[in-house]
Amino acid sequence: MNTLNTVAGGPGERRLPELRDLLFGDMPMERWVGNGSLLQPLPWNAFASARADFARGDRETAVKKWEWIARRPALEARHYLQAWHFLRGAGSEPAPEIANQLLGIVVEVGMDRGVDYLAAYTDHSVRYYNSSGKSVFWEHGSESMNPWIDPLLAAGRRVVLQIGPWRSARPPAPPKNRVRLNFLTPSGLHFGEAPLNEMANDPVGSEVLYRAGQLMQALIEVRQAPAA
């Protein structure tokens, strides 16, 4: 299986704001599933069916379908995040024992010409968007990137235990020379933000930043390696 996909973009961040929204698992229903998704495979058809239930006022049935998605094994992490996003929006909070379960990390770094994004998930998929417009996607069909993904997620789990969820709308991307560490859980977004030099010296955030840098470098090296 080819697990590495490289997308070359033009200068600047032409599509990065739109692509950024796909990283957090908090898309609104009308953007996460289309009207024709009832014909798509699981879990898309379940999302589409729950959306239709909720639109006609049948909250109870919609909640049951989102809960079913949240419990179903072997889905992409962003599906679980979306299911919990919709459940919280319907007033259904996760149980305490799973509320702070880490499902993904998104690291945002403000650069001279935009923002670099690195997203890693518990399904071992990774998304890297450079402010130049170039992107690298690592899918979860190979374990060769796990030695860099797993330490990042482990560092993130330690941070989530120390900070609570953010209860307002997700903030826009950080400005130049600032870094934001986003931790994605069933209870919602947890994050910390600081100037890059301060985060690099923070006793909690520095390990996450360091592990993210290692993962990004590993992705770049694989992308640049000659084809076998």
Foldseek 3Di string as FASTA:
>chain_A
DDFKDKDDDAFFCPCVVVVVVLQFLQDDLCVVAPCPQCPPDPPRVLSNVLVVCVVVPNPVVSLVSLVVQLPDPDDQLSSNLNSLNVCVVSVHADDPVFQLPFFKKWKWAAAPRGIWIWMAGPLGWIWTADRRGMIMTGHNPDCPLVVLRVQLVVLVSVVSVPWDADDDPDDDGDHHQKMKMWTGGSNGIDIDMDGPVVLCVDPRNVSNVVSSVVSVVVRVVVVPDDDD
